Amino acid sequence: MRLLIDDDGMSTAEYAIGTIAAAAFGAVLYGVVTGDSIVNALTQIIDKALSTSV
């Protein structure tokens, strides 16, 4: 009966899955931010902000 209730390794597995998910999310976010479309959009926003006259 004790074997059915015992879950000693549970938190380690959850931490491992959480770490893998965080690493995957970081990789996707890095890919999006360093992509050409984001860099071009940010460059256009900065150029527009700097070229406005007051």
PDB file of N, CA and C in Angstrom:
ATOM      1  N   MET A   1       0.819  -1.190   0.000  1.00  0.00           N
ATOM      2  CA  MET A   1       0.000   0.000   0.000  1.00  0.00           C
ATOM      3  C   MET A   1       0.867   1.259   0.000  1.00  0.00           C
ATOM      4  N   ARG A   2       1.999   1.210   0.684  1.00  0.00           N
ATOM      5  CA  ARG A   2       2.879   2.376   0.751  1.00  0.00           C
ATOM      6  C   ARG A   2       3.441   2.733  -0.632  1.00  0.00           C
ATOM      7  N   LEU A   3       3.641   1.782  -1.500  1.00  0.00           N
ATOM      8  CA  LEU A   3       4.172   2.041  -2.830  1.00  0.00           C
ATOM      9  C   LEU A   3       3.203   2.849  -3.692  1.00  0.00           C
ATOM     10  N   LEU A   4       1.914   2.700  -3.458  1.00  0.00           N
ATOM     11  CA  LEU A   4       0.932   3.451  -4.238  1.00  0.00           C
ATOM     12  C   LEU A   4       0.866   4.919  -3.823  1.00  0.00           C
ATOM     13  N   ILE A   5       1.180   5.227  -2.587  1.00  0.00           N
ATOM     14  CA  ILE A   5       1.076   6.596  -2.077  1.00  0.00           C
ATOM     15  C   ILE A   5       2.404   7.338  -2.196  1.00  0.00           C
ATOM     16  N   ASP A   6       3.519   6.631  -2.194  1.00  0.00           N
ATOM     17  CA  ASP A   6       4.846   7.225  -2.189  1.00  0.00           C
ATOM     18  C   ASP A   6       5.141   7.904  -3.526  1.00  0.00           C
ATOM     19  N   ASP A   7       5.495   9.193  -3.507  1.00  0.00           N
ATOM     20  CA  ASP A   7       5.832   9.917  -4.732  1.00  0.00           C
ATOM     21  C   ASP A   7       7.087  10.766  -4.518  1.00  0.00           C
ATOM     22  N   ASP A   8       8.157  10.142  -4.023  1.00  0.00           N
ATOM     23  CA  ASP A   8       9.390  10.861  -3.712  1.00  0.00           C
ATOM     24  C   ASP A   8      10.034  11.515  -4.935  1.00  0.00           C
ATOM     25  N   GLY A   9       9.994  10.902  -6.080  1.00  0.00           N
ATOM     26  CA  GLY A   9      10.646  11.453  -7.263  1.00  0.00           C
ATOM     27  C   GLY A   9       9.795  12.438  -8.033  1.00  0.00           C
ATOM     28  N   MET A  10       8.625  12.736  -7.556  1.00  0.00           N
ATOM     29  CA  MET A  10       7.691  13.568  -8.299  1.00  0.00           C
ATOM     30  C   MET A  10       8.206  14.988  -8.502  1.00  0.00           C
ATOM     31  N   SER A  11       8.724  15.609  -7.468  1.00  0.00           N
ATOM     32  CA  SER A  11       9.144  16.997  -7.613  1.00  0.00           C
ATOM     33  C   SER A  11      10.343  17.121  -8.549  1.00  0.00           C
ATOM     34  N   THR A  12      11.240  16.161  -8.539  1.00  0.00           N
ATOM     35  CA  THR A  12      12.393  16.202  -9.438  1.00  0.00           C
ATOM     36  C   THR A  12      11.947  16.137 -10.891  1.00  0.00           C
ATOM     37  N   ALA A  13      11.005  15.293 -11.191  1.00  0.00           N
ATOM     38  CA  ALA A  13      10.487  15.197 -12.559  1.00  0.00           C
ATOM     39  C   ALA A  13       9.781  16.482 -12.965  1.00  0.00           C
ATOM     40  N   GLU A  14       9.035  17.067 -12.055  1.00  0.00           N
ATOM     41  CA  GLU A  14       8.342  18.322 -12.370  1.00  0.00           C
ATOM     42  C   GLU A  14       9.337  19.446 -12.627  1.00  0.00           C
ATOM     43  N   TYR A  15      10.399  19.511 -11.816  1.00  0.00           N
ATOM     44  CA  TYR A  15      11.423  20.523 -12.051  1.00  0.00           C
ATOM     45  C   TYR A  15      12.119  20.318 -13.391  1.00  0.00           C
ATOM     46  N   ALA A  16      12.378  19.077 -13.750  1.00  0.00           N
ATOM     47  CA  ALA A  16      13.033  18.789 -15.029  1.00  0.00           C
ATOM     48  C   ALA A  16      12.152  19.222 -16.196  1.00  0.00           C
ATOM     49  N   ILE A  17      10.869  18.924 -16.127  1.00  0.00           N
ATOM     50  CA  ILE A  17       9.953  19.314 -17.195  1.00  0.00           C
ATOM     51  C   ILE A  17       9.820  20.829 -17.258  1.00  0.00           C
ATOM     52  N   GLY A  18       9.752  21.475 -16.100  1.00  0.00           N
ATOM     53  CA  GLY A  18       9.685  22.937 -16.059  1.00  0.00           C
ATOM     54  C   GLY A  18      10.931  23.581 -16.632  1.00  0.00           C
ATOM     55  N   THR A  19      12.092  23.017 -16.351  1.00  0.00           N
ATOM     56  CA  THR A  19      13.343  23.548 -16.882  1.00  0.00           C
ATOM     57  C   THR A  19      13.407  23.395 -18.399  1.00  0.00           C
ATOM     58  N   ILE A  20      12.985  22.253 -18.898  1.00  0.00           N
ATOM     59  CA  ILE A  20      12.971  22.030 -20.346  1.00  0.00           C
ATOM     60  C   ILE A  20      11.991  22.982 -21.022  1.00  0.00           C
ATOM     61  N   ALA A  21      10.829  23.180 -20.422  1.00  0.00           N
ATOM     62  CA  ALA A  21       9.839  24.095 -20.995  1.00  0.00           C
ATOM     63  C   ALA A  21      10.366  25.531 -21.005  1.00  0.00           C
ATOM     64  N   ALA A  22      11.025  25.951 -19.936  1.00  0.00           N
ATOM     65  CA  ALA A  22      11.579  27.305 -19.872  1.00  0.00           C
ATOM     66  C   ALA A  22      12.679  27.493 -20.910  1.00  0.00           C
ATOM     67  N   ALA A  23      13.521  26.486 -21.090  1.00  0.00           N
ATOM     68  CA  ALA A  23      14.585  26.572 -22.092  1.00  0.00           C
ATOM     69  C   ALA A  23      14.007  26.644 -23.507  1.00  0.00           C
ATOM     70  N   ALA A  24      12.977  25.862 -23.769  1.00  0.00           N
ATOM     71  CA  ALA A  24      12.336  25.892 -25.084  1.00  0.00           C
ATOM     72  C   ALA A  24      11.679  27.244 -25.332  1.00  0.00           C
ATOM     73  N   PHE A  25      11.017  27.791 -24.320  1.00  0.00           N
ATOM     74  CA  PHE A  25      10.388  29.105 -24.459  1.00  0.00           C
ATOM     75  C   PHE A  25      11.448  30.173 -24.702  1.00  0.00           C
ATOM     76  N   GLY A  26      12.569  30.082 -23.998  1.00  0.00           N
ATOM     77  CA  GLY A  26      13.655  31.035 -24.205  1.00  0.00           C
ATOM     78  C   GLY A  26      14.221  30.947 -25.614  1.00  0.00           C
ATOM     79  N   ALA A  27      14.360  29.752 -26.138  1.00  0.00           N
ATOM     80  CA  ALA A  27      14.873  29.579 -27.498  1.00  0.00           C
ATOM     81  C   ALA A  27      13.919  30.166 -28.534  1.00  0.00           C
ATOM     82  N   VAL A  28      12.632  29.939 -28.339  1.00  0.00           N
ATOM     83  CA  VAL A  28      11.634  30.506 -29.264  1.00  0.00           C
ATOM     84  C   VAL A  28      11.625  32.021 -29.166  1.00  0.00           C
ATOM     85  N   LEU A  29      11.668  32.552 -27.964  1.00  0.00           N
ATOM     86  CA  LEU A  29      11.673  34.004 -27.780  1.00  0.00           C
ATOM     87  C   LEU A  29      12.915  34.628 -28.394  1.00  0.00           C
ATOM     88  N   TYR A  30      14.072  33.993 -28.218  1.00  0.00           N
ATOM     89  CA  TYR A  30      15.311  34.490 -28.817  1.00  0.00           C
ATOM     90  C   TYR A  30      15.197  34.494 -30.344  1.00  0.00           C
ATOM     91  N   GLY A  31      14.630  33.449 -30.902  1.00  0.00           N
ATOM     92  CA  GLY A  31      14.453  33.382 -32.349  1.00  0.00           C
ATOM     93  C   GLY A  31      13.538  34.465 -32.871  1.00  0.00           C
ATOM     94  N   VAL A  32      12.479  34.770 -32.128  1.00  0.00           N
ATOM     95  CA  VAL A  32      11.548  35.812 -32.554  1.00  0.00           C
ATOM     96  C   VAL A  32      12.199  37.186 -32.459  1.00  0.00           C
ATOM     97  N   VAL A  33      12.871  37.451 -31.359  1.00  0.00           N
ATOM     98  CA  VAL A  33      13.449  38.781 -31.143  1.00  0.00           C
ATOM     99  C   VAL A  33      14.603  39.048 -32.098  1.00  0.00           C
ATOM    100  N   THR A  34      15.388  38.057 -32.420  1.00  0.00           N
ATOM    101  CA  THR A  34      16.518  38.265 -33.319  1.00  0.00           C
ATOM    102  C   THR A  34      16.138  38.102 -34.785  1.00  0.00           C
ATOM    103  N   GLY A  35      14.892  37.825 -35.062  1.00  0.00           N
ATOM    104  CA  GLY A  35      14.444  37.690 -36.445  1.00  0.00           C
ATOM    105  C   GLY A  35      14.446  39.033 -37.156  1.00  0.00           C
ATOM    106  N   ASP A  36      14.518  39.002 -38.462  1.00  0.00           N
ATOM    107  CA  ASP A  36      14.598  40.216 -39.269  1.00  0.00           C
ATOM    108  C   ASP A  36      13.365  41.098 -39.131  1.00  0.00           C
ATOM    109  N   SER A  37      12.199  40.517 -39.011  1.00  0.00           N
ATOM    110  CA  SER A  37      10.984  41.325 -38.955  1.00  0.00           C
ATOM    111  C   SER A  37      10.935  42.182 -37.696  1.00  0.00           C
ATOM    112  N   ILE A  38      11.354  41.648 -36.570  1.00  0.00           N
ATOM    113  CA  ILE A  38      11.355  42.415 -35.325  1.00  0.00           C
ATOM    114  C   ILE A  38      12.405  43.512 -35.382  1.00  0.00           C
ATOM    115  N   VAL A  39      13.591  43.190 -35.872  1.00  0.00           N
ATOM    116  CA  VAL A  39      14.660  44.186 -35.977  1.00  0.00           C
ATOM    117  C   VAL A  39      14.240  45.299 -36.920  1.00  0.00           C
ATOM    118  N   ASN A  40      13.627  44.964 -38.043  1.00  0.00           N
ATOM    119  CA  ASN A  40      13.168  45.982 -38.994  1.00  0.00           C
ATOM    120  C   ASN A  40      12.075  46.846 -38.390  1.00  0.00           C
ATOM    121  N   ALA A  41      11.142  46.240 -37.664  1.00  0.00           N
ATOM    122  CA  ALA A  41      10.064  47.006 -37.054  1.00  0.00           C
ATOM    123  C   ALA A  41      10.601  47.969 -36.002  1.00  0.00           C
ATOM    124  N   LEU A  42      11.519  47.505 -35.183  1.00  0.00           N
ATOM    125  CA  LEU A  42      12.101  48.386 -34.169  1.00  0.00           C
ATOM    126  C   LEU A  42      12.923  49.505 -34.807  1.00  0.00           C
ATOM    127  N   THR A  43      13.633  49.211 -35.873  1.00  0.00           N
ATOM    128  CA  THR A  43      14.405  50.232 -36.577  1.00  0.00           C
ATOM    129  C   THR A  43      13.486  51.282 -37.174  1.00  0.00           C
ATOM    130  N   GLN A  44      12.374  50.880 -37.752  1.00  0.00           N
ATOM    131  CA  GLN A  44      11.414  51.824 -38.309  1.00  0.00           C
ATOM    132  C   GLN A  44      10.807  52.706 -37.230  1.00  0.00           C
ATOM    133  N   ILE A  45      10.489  52.125 -36.088  1.00  0.00           N
ATOM    134  CA  ILE A  45       9.916  52.905 -34.980  1.00  0.00           C
ATOM    135  C   ILE A  45      10.923  53.941 -34.489  1.00  0.00           C
ATOM    136  N   ILE A  46      12.176  53.540 -34.333  1.00  0.00           N
ATOM    137  CA  ILE A  46      13.201  54.469 -33.861  1.00  0.00           C
ATOM    138  C   ILE A  46      13.466  55.547 -34.893  1.00  0.00           C
ATOM    139  N   ASP A  47      13.536  55.179 -36.163  1.00  0.00           N
ATOM    140  CA  ASP A  47      13.750  56.176 -37.227  1.00  0.00           C
ATOM    141  C   ASP A  47      12.603  57.184 -37.275  1.00  0.00           C
ATOM    142  N   LYS A  48      11.396  56.699 -37.127  1.00  0.00           N
ATOM    143  CA  LYS A  48      10.230  57.584 -37.148  1.00  0.00           C
ATOM    144  C   LYS A  48      10.249  58.524 -35.953  1.00  0.00           C
ATOM    145  N   ALA A  49      10.615  57.995 -34.787  1.00  0.00           N
ATOM    146  CA  ALA A  49      10.674  58.826 -33.582  1.00  0.00           C
ATOM    147  C   ALA A  49      11.760  59.878 -33.682  1.00  0.00           C
ATOM    148  N   LEU A  50      12.885  59.539 -34.291  1.00  0.00           N
ATOM    149  CA  LEU A  50      13.982  60.503 -34.407  1.00  0.00           C
ATOM    150  C   LEU A  50      13.782  61.520 -35.520  1.00  0.00           C
ATOM    151  N   SER A  51      12.955  61.193 -36.495  1.00  0.00           N
ATOM    152  CA  SER A  51      12.772  62.096 -37.629  1.00  0.00           C
ATOM    153  C   SER A  51      11.590  63.046 -37.455  1.00  0.00           C
ATOM    154  N   THR A  52      10.853  62.947 -36.383  1.00  0.00           N
ATOM    155  CA  THR A  52       9.730  63.866 -36.164  1.00  0.00           C
ATOM    156  C   THR A  52      10.250  65.233 -35.740  1.00  0.00           C
ATOM    157  N   SER A  53       9.572  66.247 -36.188  1.00  0.00           N
ATOM    158  CA  SER A  53       9.966  67.617 -35.809  1.00  0.00           C
ATOM    159  C   SER A  53       8.986  68.149 -34.776  1.00  0.00           C
ATOM    160  N   VAL A  54       9.512  68.940 -33.898  1.00  0.00           N
ATOM    161  CA  VAL A  54       8.698  69.470 -32.797  1.00  0.00           C
ATOM    162  C   VAL A  54       8.303  70.890 -33.090  1.00  0.00           C
TER     163      VAL A  54
END
